[in-house]
Protein backbone atom coordinates (compact mmCIF):
# COMPACT_ATOMS: atom_id res chain seq x y z
CA UNK A 1 -33.50 -53.11 190.87
CA UNK A 2 -35.10 -53.95 187.54
CA UNK A 3 -36.38 -57.27 186.23
CA UNK A 4 -37.59 -58.13 182.73
CA UNK A 5 -37.99 -61.40 180.85
CA UNK A 6 -34.40 -61.32 179.64
CA UNK A 7 -32.56 -59.02 182.04
CA UNK A 8 -32.07 -58.42 185.74
CA UNK A 9 -30.02 -55.64 187.25
CA UNK A 10 -29.65 -53.29 190.11
CA UNK A 11 -27.67 -50.64 191.89
CA UNK A 12 -26.74 -50.99 195.55
CA UNK A 13 -25.17 -48.17 197.53
CA UNK A 14 -23.50 -48.48 200.94
CA UNK A 15 -21.87 -45.89 203.20
CA UNK A 16 -19.72 -46.61 206.24
CA UNK A 17 -16.50 -45.99 208.10
CA UNK A 18 -13.85 -48.23 206.59
CA UNK A 19 -10.54 -47.63 204.85
CA UNK A 20 -10.78 -47.54 201.05
CA UNK A 21 -7.88 -49.96 200.48
CA UNK A 22 -9.12 -52.50 203.03
CA UNK A 23 -12.62 -52.39 201.48
CA UNK A 24 -11.12 -52.94 198.03
CA UNK A 25 -9.05 -55.90 199.26
CA UNK A 26 -12.11 -57.37 201.01
CA UNK A 27 -14.36 -56.99 197.96
CA UNK A 28 -11.80 -58.54 195.58
CA UNK A 29 -11.28 -61.49 197.92
CA UNK A 30 -15.02 -61.98 198.51
CA UNK A 31 -15.93 -61.77 194.83
CA UNK A 32 -13.19 -64.21 193.82
CA UNK A 33 -14.30 -66.53 196.62
CA UNK A 34 -17.75 -66.52 194.99
CA UNK A 35 -16.29 -67.42 191.56
CA UNK A 36 -16.33 -63.89 190.09
CA UNK A 37 -13.38 -63.07 187.83
CA UNK A 38 -11.70 -59.67 188.21
CA UNK A 39 -11.38 -58.32 184.65
CA UNK A 40 -10.55 -54.66 185.23
CA UNK A 41 -9.41 -52.12 187.77
CA UNK A 42 -8.94 -48.37 187.54
CA UNK A 43 -7.90 -46.02 190.31
CA UNK A 44 -7.54 -42.28 190.64
CA UNK A 45 -9.49 -40.50 193.33
CA UNK A 46 -11.91 -43.45 193.32
CA UNK A 47 -11.40 -47.15 192.68
CA UNK A 48 -13.44 -48.93 190.02
CA UNK A 49 -13.49 -52.73 189.83
CA UNK A 50 -15.10 -54.90 187.15
CA UNK A 51 -16.02 -58.55 187.64
CA UNK A 52 -17.70 -61.13 185.40
CA UNK A 53 -19.33 -64.53 185.55
CA UNK A 54 -20.62 -66.36 182.46
CA UNK A 55 -23.84 -64.33 182.16
CA UNK A 56 -23.30 -61.70 184.87
CA UNK A 57 -21.35 -58.50 185.33
CA UNK A 58 -20.61 -56.47 188.42
CA UNK A 59 -18.96 -53.07 188.46
CA UNK A 60 -18.20 -51.35 191.72
CA UNK A 61 -16.97 -47.92 192.65
CA UNK A 62 -15.29 -47.27 196.00
CA UNK A 63 -15.12 -43.60 196.99
CA UNK A 64 -13.44 -41.79 199.86
CA UNK A 65 -16.39 -39.64 200.96
CA UNK A 66 -16.57 -36.75 203.38
CA UNK A 67 -16.44 -36.95 207.17
CA UNK A 68 -14.23 -40.07 207.20
CA UNK A 69 -16.78 -42.24 205.43
CA UNK A 70 -16.35 -44.54 202.45
CA UNK A 71 -19.00 -45.20 199.82
CA UNK A 72 -19.42 -48.42 197.83
CA UNK A 73 -21.73 -48.55 194.81
CA UNK A 74 -22.40 -51.86 193.05
CA UNK A 75 -23.87 -52.13 189.54
CA UNK A 76 -24.95 -55.72 188.85
CA UNK A 77 -26.48 -57.14 185.65
CA UNK A 78 -27.67 -60.63 184.75
CA UNK A 79 -28.40 -61.53 181.12
CA UNK A 80 -31.04 -64.25 181.48
CA UNK A 81 -31.07 -64.88 177.72
CA UNK A 82 -27.35 -65.70 177.69
CA UNK A 83 -27.85 -68.03 180.65
CA UNK A 84 -30.01 -70.33 178.52
CA UNK A 85 -26.97 -71.05 176.32
CA UNK A 86 -24.83 -72.27 179.24
CA UNK A 87 -24.30 -75.77 180.53
CA UNK A 88 -24.51 -76.51 184.29
CA UNK A 89 -20.82 -75.59 184.61
CA UNK A 90 -21.37 -72.06 183.25
CA UNK A 91 -19.69 -72.81 179.91
CA UNK A 92 -21.16 -71.61 176.62
CA UNK A 93 -23.06 -74.24 174.66
CA UNK A 94 -22.61 -74.12 170.88
CA UNK A 95 -25.67 -74.98 168.84
């Protein structure tokens, strides 16, 4: 993870035995349950998902790895500067 005065971010990597499609369905449901908006999805060999909140982004890659394992990598960023221009409901404040 990295933390500065105006930015926070990190990369998290998980490996386990789970089906790629069920992990994708679980992650989409969980993120939407936590008020993240799915804004993009791409699939070929891997699945990439993109989510946003008012001052946050999360991209994830789900990969079918070797030996029956699945890998999940999350890339999360928080723009702390943008957060100062939001009201308590996460809406942009015009000045």
